[in-house]
Amino acid sequence: MFLFFSQVVLAQSLTGDKSVLGSSRTYKKVSGDTVRLRPSVVEKIEKEEKRKAKAEAKAAKAKTPRVKKSLVDSVQYTPHKYTLGERVIMQGDSGHDVLSVAKILVKKLYLDEADIIYTPDGGAVYDGAMVKAVLLFQKFNDFYEDGIIGRELIKALRKKK
């Protein structure tokens, strides 16, 4: 029965008879074959394609990170310029007070001038070779070797010796 019906549909579509198919549209498949479809089927296919396109657009939009602009973004940040002894300096800190410690360590021959890591604002970063220099200074001056630059260590650095 199915074979007979498909042959009738095929024969009618080839001859252009629209009694079984109604008004139809012709589509070309990727493989090169031409297929005729009913308008209701065409509408379903088009709706499915639109739904897939919306889903893909939504997925692409979800993948891109959203950047929310706040009032803080428009305010320029100027870092506080600490003077030596105003704060405790730990590894990773930067500023002009760190640069002052670096200059003292260079004068005392614990640090080489080339090992100082400068920041764009004119300060220095307390990291790498400078931490090693501070640890060495702490070792030779009977401090606890933790690499933290506090008030007592600054007093010892400022002493002439």
N, C-alpha and C. Protein backbone atom coordinates (compact mmCIF):
# COMPACT_ATOMS: atom_id res chain seq x y z
N MET A 1 0.82 -1.18 0.00
CA MET A 1 0.00 0.00 0.00
C MET A 1 0.88 1.27 0.00
N PHE A 2 1.90 1.27 0.90
CA PHE A 2 2.79 2.43 0.99
C PHE A 2 3.54 2.63 -0.32
N LEU A 3 3.99 1.53 -0.90
CA LEU A 3 4.72 1.60 -2.14
C LEU A 3 3.86 2.21 -3.25
N PHE A 4 2.60 1.79 -3.31
CA PHE A 4 1.69 2.32 -4.32
C PHE A 4 1.47 3.81 -4.10
N PHE A 5 1.23 4.24 -2.84
CA PHE A 5 0.98 5.66 -2.53
C PHE A 5 2.19 6.52 -2.89
N SER A 6 3.39 6.03 -2.57
CA SER A 6 4.59 6.80 -2.87
C SER A 6 4.80 6.93 -4.37
N GLN A 7 4.43 5.89 -5.13
CA GLN A 7 4.56 5.98 -6.58
C GLN A 7 3.57 6.98 -7.16
N VAL A 8 2.36 7.04 -6.57
CA VAL A 8 1.35 7.98 -7.05
C VAL A 8 1.82 9.41 -6.77
N VAL A 9 2.33 9.63 -5.54
CA VAL A 9 2.81 10.95 -5.18
C VAL A 9 3.97 11.35 -6.08
N LEU A 10 4.87 10.41 -6.34
CA LEU A 10 6.01 10.69 -7.20
C LEU A 10 5.55 11.03 -8.61
N ALA A 11 4.61 10.25 -9.12
CA ALA A 11 4.12 10.48 -10.48
C ALA A 11 3.41 11.83 -10.57
N GLN A 12 2.60 12.14 -9.54
CA GLN A 12 1.87 13.40 -9.59
C GLN A 12 2.81 14.60 -9.44
N SER A 13 3.85 14.43 -8.61
CA SER A 13 4.77 15.54 -8.43
C SER A 13 5.61 15.76 -9.67
N LEU A 14 5.89 14.71 -10.40
CA LEU A 14 6.65 14.86 -11.63
C LEU A 14 5.81 15.51 -12.72
N THR A 15 4.52 15.19 -12.72
CA THR A 15 3.66 15.75 -13.76
C THR A 15 3.12 17.13 -13.40
N GLY A 16 3.28 17.51 -12.13
CA GLY A 16 2.80 18.83 -11.72
C GLY A 16 1.39 18.80 -11.21
N ASP A 17 0.77 17.60 -11.04
CA ASP A 17 -0.58 17.50 -10.52
C ASP A 17 -0.55 17.82 -9.02
N LYS A 18 -1.43 18.71 -8.56
CA LYS A 18 -1.38 19.17 -7.18
C LYS A 18 -2.54 18.63 -6.37
N SER A 19 -3.19 17.58 -6.83
CA SER A 19 -4.35 17.10 -6.11
C SER A 19 -3.97 16.45 -4.78
N VAL A 20 -2.88 15.72 -4.72
CA VAL A 20 -2.47 15.04 -3.49
C VAL A 20 -1.57 15.95 -2.66
N LEU A 21 -0.65 16.62 -3.27
CA LEU A 21 0.31 17.44 -2.54
C LEU A 21 -0.22 18.83 -2.21
N GLY A 22 -1.16 19.33 -2.90
CA GLY A 22 -1.56 20.72 -2.74
C GLY A 22 -0.49 21.58 -3.40
N SER A 23 -0.42 22.86 -3.06
CA SER A 23 0.65 23.67 -3.64
C SER A 23 1.95 23.29 -2.93
N SER A 24 2.99 23.04 -3.67
CA SER A 24 4.24 22.56 -3.07
C SER A 24 5.38 23.47 -3.46
N ARG A 25 6.48 23.36 -2.69
CA ARG A 25 7.70 24.12 -2.96
C ARG A 25 8.81 23.12 -3.26
N THR A 26 9.71 23.53 -4.10
CA THR A 26 10.81 22.67 -4.48
C THR A 26 12.05 23.09 -3.72
N TYR A 27 12.73 22.14 -3.08
CA TYR A 27 13.98 22.38 -2.36
C TYR A 27 15.06 21.50 -2.92
N LYS A 28 16.24 21.98 -2.94
CA LYS A 28 17.37 21.20 -3.41
C LYS A 28 18.14 20.72 -2.19
N LYS A 29 18.32 19.41 -2.09
CA LYS A 29 19.06 18.84 -0.98
C LYS A 29 20.55 19.04 -1.18
N VAL A 30 21.30 18.81 -0.10
CA VAL A 30 22.74 18.94 -0.16
C VAL A 30 23.32 17.92 -1.13
N SER A 31 22.71 16.75 -1.17
CA SER A 31 23.22 15.68 -2.04
C SER A 31 22.97 15.96 -3.52
N GLY A 32 22.18 16.98 -3.82
CA GLY A 32 21.93 17.31 -5.22
C GLY A 32 20.54 16.92 -5.67
N ASP A 33 19.80 16.16 -4.87
CA ASP A 33 18.44 15.75 -5.23
C ASP A 33 17.48 16.92 -5.02
N THR A 34 16.41 16.93 -5.80
CA THR A 34 15.39 17.95 -5.64
C THR A 34 14.17 17.30 -4.99
N VAL A 35 13.62 17.95 -3.97
CA VAL A 35 12.49 17.39 -3.23
C VAL A 35 11.38 18.43 -3.20
N ARG A 36 10.14 17.97 -3.35
CA ARG A 36 8.98 18.86 -3.25
C ARG A 36 8.31 18.61 -1.91
N LEU A 37 7.97 19.69 -1.22
CA LEU A 37 7.36 19.57 0.10
C LEU A 37 6.08 20.38 0.17
N ARG A 38 5.17 19.94 1.03
CA ARG A 38 3.94 20.69 1.27
C ARG A 38 4.26 21.96 2.03
N PRO A 39 3.43 22.97 1.90
CA PRO A 39 3.67 24.23 2.63
C PRO A 39 3.67 24.02 4.15
N SER A 40 2.83 23.15 4.65
CA SER A 40 2.81 22.91 6.10
C SER A 40 4.13 22.32 6.58
N VAL A 41 4.71 21.43 5.78
CA VAL A 41 6.00 20.85 6.13
C VAL A 41 7.09 21.91 6.03
N VAL A 42 7.00 22.75 5.01
CA VAL A 42 7.97 23.83 4.82
C VAL A 42 7.91 24.78 6.01
N GLU A 43 6.72 25.12 6.48
CA GLU A 43 6.56 26.00 7.63
C GLU A 43 7.18 25.38 8.88
N LYS A 44 6.96 24.07 9.07
CA LYS A 44 7.55 23.39 10.23
C LYS A 44 9.07 23.42 10.16
N ILE A 45 9.60 23.18 8.98
CA ILE A 45 11.06 23.20 8.82
C ILE A 45 11.61 24.60 9.09
N GLU A 46 10.95 25.62 8.54
CA GLU A 46 11.40 26.99 8.75
C GLU A 46 11.30 27.40 10.21
N LYS A 47 10.22 26.99 10.90
CA LYS A 47 10.09 27.28 12.33
C LYS A 47 11.21 26.61 13.12
N GLU A 48 11.52 25.38 12.77
CA GLU A 48 12.59 24.65 13.47
C GLU A 48 13.94 25.32 13.23
N GLU A 49 14.19 25.76 12.01
CA GLU A 49 15.44 26.45 11.71
C GLU A 49 15.55 27.77 12.48
N LYS A 50 14.44 28.53 12.57
CA LYS A 50 14.44 29.77 13.34
C LYS A 50 14.70 29.49 14.82
N ARG A 51 14.07 28.43 15.35
CA ARG A 51 14.25 28.07 16.75
C ARG A 51 15.71 27.70 17.02
N LYS A 52 16.32 26.94 16.11
CA LYS A 52 17.73 26.57 16.27
C LYS A 52 18.63 27.80 16.20
N ALA A 53 18.33 28.72 15.28
CA ALA A 53 19.13 29.94 15.15
C ALA A 53 19.03 30.78 16.42
N LYS A 54 17.82 30.88 17.00
CA LYS A 54 17.66 31.63 18.25
C LYS A 54 18.43 30.97 19.38
N ALA A 55 18.36 29.62 19.44
CA ALA A 55 19.07 28.90 20.50
C ALA A 55 20.58 29.09 20.37
N GLU A 56 21.09 29.06 19.13
CA GLU A 56 22.52 29.27 18.91
C GLU A 56 22.92 30.70 19.28
N ALA A 57 22.09 31.66 18.94
CA ALA A 57 22.39 33.06 19.28
C ALA A 57 22.38 33.25 20.80
N LYS A 58 21.43 32.60 21.46
CA LYS A 58 21.34 32.69 22.91
C LYS A 58 22.55 32.05 23.56
N ALA A 59 22.98 30.90 23.02
CA ALA A 59 24.16 30.21 23.57
C ALA A 59 25.42 31.05 23.34
N ALA A 60 25.53 31.68 22.18
CA ALA A 60 26.70 32.53 21.90
C ALA A 60 26.69 33.75 22.82
N LYS A 61 25.52 34.31 23.08
CA LYS A 61 25.42 35.46 23.97
C LYS A 61 25.77 35.07 25.40
N ALA A 62 25.39 33.86 25.80
CA ALA A 62 25.68 33.40 27.16
C ALA A 62 27.18 33.16 27.34
N LYS A 63 27.88 32.81 26.27
CA LYS A 63 29.31 32.54 26.37
C LYS A 63 30.13 33.81 26.54
N THR A 64 29.66 34.92 25.98
CA THR A 64 30.41 36.16 26.09
C THR A 64 30.19 36.75 27.48
N PRO A 65 31.28 37.13 28.14
CA PRO A 65 31.13 37.68 29.49
C PRO A 65 30.48 39.06 29.45
N ARG A 66 29.62 39.28 30.41
CA ARG A 66 28.96 40.58 30.50
C ARG A 66 29.80 41.51 31.36
N VAL A 67 29.99 42.69 30.88
CA VAL A 67 30.74 43.69 31.63
C VAL A 67 29.75 44.77 32.03
N LYS A 68 29.57 44.90 33.32
CA LYS A 68 28.66 45.92 33.81
C LYS A 68 29.48 47.14 34.22
N LYS A 69 29.11 48.26 33.69
CA LYS A 69 29.83 49.49 34.03
C LYS A 69 29.21 50.07 35.29
N SER A 70 30.05 50.39 36.22
CA SER A 70 29.57 50.97 37.46
C SER A 70 30.16 52.36 37.64
N LEU A 71 29.77 53.01 38.70
CA LEU A 71 30.30 54.34 38.97
C LEU A 71 31.78 54.29 39.30
N VAL A 72 32.23 53.16 39.84
CA VAL A 72 33.63 53.02 40.21
C VAL A 72 34.52 53.01 38.97
N ASP A 73 34.00 52.49 37.85
CA ASP A 73 34.77 52.45 36.61
C ASP A 73 35.12 53.84 36.10
N SER A 74 34.27 54.81 36.37
CA SER A 74 34.51 56.14 35.85
C SER A 74 35.41 56.98 36.76
N VAL A 75 35.65 56.51 37.98
CA VAL A 75 36.49 57.24 38.91
C VAL A 75 37.93 56.78 38.74
N GLN A 76 38.85 57.73 38.64
CA GLN A 76 40.25 57.36 38.50
C GLN A 76 40.83 57.05 39.86
N TYR A 77 41.61 55.99 39.92
CA TYR A 77 42.22 55.57 41.18
C TYR A 77 43.67 56.04 41.20
N THR A 78 44.03 56.74 42.24
CA THR A 78 45.42 57.11 42.44
C THR A 78 45.90 56.41 43.70
N PRO A 79 46.93 55.57 43.57
CA PRO A 79 47.40 54.83 44.73
C PRO A 79 47.99 55.76 45.79
N HIS A 80 47.84 55.35 47.03
CA HIS A 80 48.39 56.13 48.14
C HIS A 80 49.91 56.01 48.12
N LYS A 81 50.58 57.13 48.29
CA LYS A 81 52.04 57.11 48.29
C LYS A 81 52.52 57.03 49.74
N TYR A 82 52.83 55.81 50.14
CA TYR A 82 53.31 55.59 51.50
C TYR A 82 54.75 56.08 51.65
N THR A 83 55.04 56.59 52.84
CA THR A 83 56.43 56.91 53.16
C THR A 83 56.97 55.76 54.01
N LEU A 84 58.26 55.65 54.06
CA LEU A 84 58.90 54.54 54.76
C LEU A 84 58.54 54.57 56.25
N GLY A 85 58.01 53.47 56.75
CA GLY A 85 57.64 53.35 58.15
C GLY A 85 56.15 53.53 58.39
N GLU A 86 55.40 53.91 57.37
CA GLU A 86 53.97 54.13 57.51
C GLU A 86 53.17 52.83 57.55
N ARG A 87 53.70 51.78 56.96
CA ARG A 87 52.98 50.50 56.91
C ARG A 87 53.96 49.35 56.98
N VAL A 88 53.41 48.16 57.19
CA VAL A 88 54.21 46.93 57.16
C VAL A 88 54.23 46.47 55.71
N ILE A 89 55.42 46.20 55.20
CA ILE A 89 55.58 45.80 53.80
C ILE A 89 55.75 44.29 53.73
N MET A 90 54.90 43.68 52.90
CA MET A 90 54.95 42.22 52.70
C MET A 90 55.21 41.94 51.22
N GLN A 91 55.56 40.69 50.94
CA GLN A 91 55.85 40.29 49.57
C GLN A 91 54.66 40.58 48.67
N GLY A 92 54.92 41.22 47.53
CA GLY A 92 53.89 41.57 46.57
C GLY A 92 53.47 43.04 46.66
N ASP A 93 53.80 43.71 47.76
CA ASP A 93 53.46 45.13 47.90
C ASP A 93 54.33 45.97 46.97
N SER A 94 53.84 47.15 46.66
CA SER A 94 54.61 48.06 45.82
C SER A 94 54.36 49.48 46.28
N GLY A 95 55.29 50.35 45.93
CA GLY A 95 55.13 51.75 46.27
C GLY A 95 56.47 52.44 46.45
N HIS A 96 56.39 53.69 46.85
CA HIS A 96 57.60 54.49 47.04
C HIS A 96 58.37 54.08 48.29
N ASP A 97 57.64 53.59 49.30
CA ASP A 97 58.33 53.11 50.49
C ASP A 97 59.15 51.87 50.19
N VAL A 98 58.67 51.04 49.30
CA VAL A 98 59.42 49.85 48.88
C VAL A 98 60.68 50.27 48.14
N LEU A 99 60.56 51.31 47.33
CA LEU A 99 61.73 51.84 46.61
C LEU A 99 62.77 52.37 47.60
N SER A 100 62.31 53.01 48.67
CA SER A 100 63.24 53.51 49.69
C SER A 100 64.00 52.36 50.34
N VAL A 101 63.30 51.26 50.65
CA VAL A 101 63.95 50.08 51.23
C VAL A 101 64.95 49.51 50.24
N ALA A 102 64.57 49.47 48.96
CA ALA A 102 65.47 48.93 47.93
C ALA A 102 66.74 49.75 47.83
N LYS A 103 66.61 51.07 47.90
CA LYS A 103 67.80 51.93 47.81
C LYS A 103 68.72 51.71 49.01
N ILE A 104 68.13 51.53 50.20
CA ILE A 104 68.94 51.26 51.38
C ILE A 104 69.66 49.92 51.24
N LEU A 105 68.94 48.90 50.72
CA LEU A 105 69.56 47.58 50.54
C LEU A 105 70.68 47.64 49.49
N VAL A 106 70.54 48.49 48.48
CA VAL A 106 71.61 48.66 47.48
C VAL A 106 72.82 49.31 48.12
N LYS A 107 72.59 50.34 48.95
CA LYS A 107 73.70 51.02 49.62
C LYS A 107 74.44 50.08 50.57
N LYS A 108 73.70 49.17 51.20
CA LYS A 108 74.31 48.23 52.14
C LYS A 108 74.83 46.97 51.45
N LEU A 109 74.74 46.94 50.11
CA LEU A 109 75.27 45.86 49.26
C LEU A 109 74.55 44.52 49.46
N TYR A 110 73.28 44.56 49.86
CA TYR A 110 72.48 43.33 49.93
C TYR A 110 71.72 43.09 48.63
N LEU A 111 71.59 44.13 47.83
CA LEU A 111 70.79 44.06 46.61
C LEU A 111 71.51 44.80 45.49
N ASP A 112 71.40 44.26 44.27
CA ASP A 112 71.97 44.90 43.10
C ASP A 112 70.92 45.84 42.49
N GLU A 113 71.36 46.95 41.97
CA GLU A 113 70.47 47.96 41.39
C GLU A 113 69.61 47.36 40.26
N ALA A 114 70.16 46.44 39.50
CA ALA A 114 69.46 45.84 38.36
C ALA A 114 68.33 44.91 38.80
N ASP A 115 68.33 44.47 40.05
CA ASP A 115 67.31 43.55 40.54
C ASP A 115 66.04 44.25 41.03
N ILE A 116 66.03 45.56 41.05
CA ILE A 116 64.85 46.29 41.51
C ILE A 116 63.81 46.29 40.39
N ILE A 117 62.57 45.94 40.75
CA ILE A 117 61.46 45.94 39.79
C ILE A 117 60.67 47.23 40.01
N TYR A 118 60.73 48.12 39.02
CA TYR A 118 60.08 49.42 39.13
C TYR A 118 58.62 49.35 38.66
N THR A 119 57.78 50.21 39.24
CA THR A 119 56.38 50.32 38.83
C THR A 119 56.22 51.57 37.96
N PRO A 120 55.14 51.67 37.19
CA PRO A 120 54.94 52.84 36.32
C PRO A 120 54.83 54.16 37.08
N ASP A 121 54.36 54.12 38.34
CA ASP A 121 54.19 55.36 39.09
C ASP A 121 55.47 55.81 39.79
N GLY A 122 56.58 55.10 39.57
CA GLY A 122 57.86 55.51 40.14
C GLY A 122 58.25 54.77 41.39
N GLY A 123 57.46 53.85 41.84
CA GLY A 123 57.79 53.05 43.01
C GLY A 123 58.53 51.78 42.63
N ALA A 124 58.51 50.82 43.54
CA ALA A 124 59.15 49.53 43.27
C ALA A 124 58.25 48.42 43.82
N VAL A 125 58.48 47.20 43.35
CA VAL A 125 57.72 46.03 43.79
C VAL A 125 58.59 45.21 44.73
N TYR A 126 58.02 44.81 45.85
CA TYR A 126 58.74 43.98 46.81
C TYR A 126 58.52 42.52 46.43
N ASP A 127 59.44 42.02 45.61
CA ASP A 127 59.32 40.65 45.11
C ASP A 127 60.68 40.16 44.63
N GLY A 128 60.82 38.87 44.47
CA GLY A 128 62.01 38.27 43.87
C GLY A 128 63.28 38.47 44.66
N ALA A 129 64.27 39.11 44.01
CA ALA A 129 65.60 39.31 44.59
C ALA A 129 65.55 40.22 45.81
N MET A 130 64.60 41.13 45.85
CA MET A 130 64.50 42.03 46.99
C MET A 130 64.09 41.27 48.25
N VAL A 131 63.21 40.30 48.11
CA VAL A 131 62.80 39.47 49.25
C VAL A 131 64.01 38.69 49.77
N LYS A 132 64.79 38.15 48.85
CA LYS A 132 66.00 37.41 49.25
C LYS A 132 66.98 38.31 49.98
N ALA A 133 67.10 39.56 49.51
CA ALA A 133 68.01 40.52 50.16
C ALA A 133 67.53 40.84 51.58
N VAL A 134 66.23 41.02 51.75
CA VAL A 134 65.68 41.30 53.08
C VAL A 134 65.88 40.10 54.00
N LEU A 135 65.64 38.89 53.49
CA LEU A 135 65.86 37.69 54.30
C LEU A 135 67.32 37.58 54.72
N LEU A 136 68.23 37.91 53.82
CA LEU A 136 69.66 37.89 54.14
C LEU A 136 70.00 38.94 55.20
N PHE A 137 69.42 40.13 55.06
CA PHE A 137 69.63 41.19 56.05
C PHE A 137 69.10 40.75 57.41
N GLN A 138 67.92 40.13 57.42
CA GLN A 138 67.34 39.65 58.68
C GLN A 138 68.21 38.58 59.32
N LYS A 139 68.79 37.72 58.51
CA LYS A 139 69.63 36.64 59.02
C LYS A 139 70.89 37.20 59.69
N PHE A 140 71.55 38.17 59.04
CA PHE A 140 72.80 38.71 59.56
C PHE A 140 72.60 39.71 60.71
N ASN A 141 71.38 40.18 60.92
CA ASN A 141 71.12 41.15 61.98
C ASN A 141 70.22 40.58 63.07
N ASP A 142 70.16 39.28 63.20
CA ASP A 142 69.44 38.55 64.25
C ASP A 142 67.95 38.91 64.33
N PHE A 143 67.30 38.99 63.19
CA PHE A 143 65.84 39.15 63.13
C PHE A 143 65.24 37.80 62.75
N TYR A 144 63.97 37.65 63.05
CA TYR A 144 63.24 36.46 62.59
C TYR A 144 63.13 36.56 61.07
N GLU A 145 63.53 35.52 60.37
CA GLU A 145 63.59 35.55 58.91
C GLU A 145 62.21 35.24 58.30
N ASP A 146 61.40 36.25 58.19
CA ASP A 146 60.07 36.07 57.59
C ASP A 146 59.85 36.91 56.33
N GLY A 147 60.77 37.80 56.02
CA GLY A 147 60.67 38.62 54.82
C GLY A 147 59.71 39.79 54.96
N ILE A 148 59.15 40.00 56.16
CA ILE A 148 58.23 41.11 56.38
C ILE A 148 59.02 42.32 56.88
N ILE A 149 58.78 43.46 56.27
CA ILE A 149 59.49 44.69 56.63
C ILE A 149 58.59 45.49 57.56
N GLY A 150 58.91 45.43 58.84
CA GLY A 150 58.16 46.18 59.84
C GLY A 150 58.97 47.36 60.35
N ARG A 151 58.48 48.00 61.43
CA ARG A 151 59.14 49.19 61.96
C ARG A 151 60.52 48.90 62.53
N GLU A 152 60.66 47.77 63.21
CA GLU A 152 61.96 47.43 63.81
C GLU A 152 63.01 47.17 62.72
N LEU A 153 62.60 46.50 61.68
CA LEU A 153 63.53 46.22 60.58
C LEU A 153 63.93 47.52 59.88
N ILE A 154 62.99 48.43 59.73
CA ILE A 154 63.30 49.72 59.09
C ILE A 154 64.29 50.51 59.95
N LYS A 155 64.11 50.46 61.28
CA LYS A 155 65.07 51.14 62.17
C LYS A 155 66.47 50.55 61.99
N ALA A 156 66.53 49.21 61.86
CA ALA A 156 67.83 48.55 61.68
C ALA A 156 68.42 48.88 60.31
N LEU A 157 67.58 49.00 59.30
CA LEU A 157 68.08 49.36 57.97
C LEU A 157 68.64 50.79 57.95
N ARG A 158 68.02 51.68 58.69
CA ARG A 158 68.44 53.09 58.70
C ARG A 158 69.73 53.33 59.50
N LYS A 159 70.08 52.38 60.37
CA LYS A 159 71.31 52.55 61.15
C LYS A 159 72.51 52.46 60.23
N LYS A 160 73.51 53.29 60.50
CA LYS A 160 74.73 53.25 59.71
C LYS A 160 75.60 52.13 60.24
N LYS A 161 76.00 51.27 59.38
CA LYS A 161 76.84 50.16 59.77
C LYS A 161 77.59 49.61 58.60
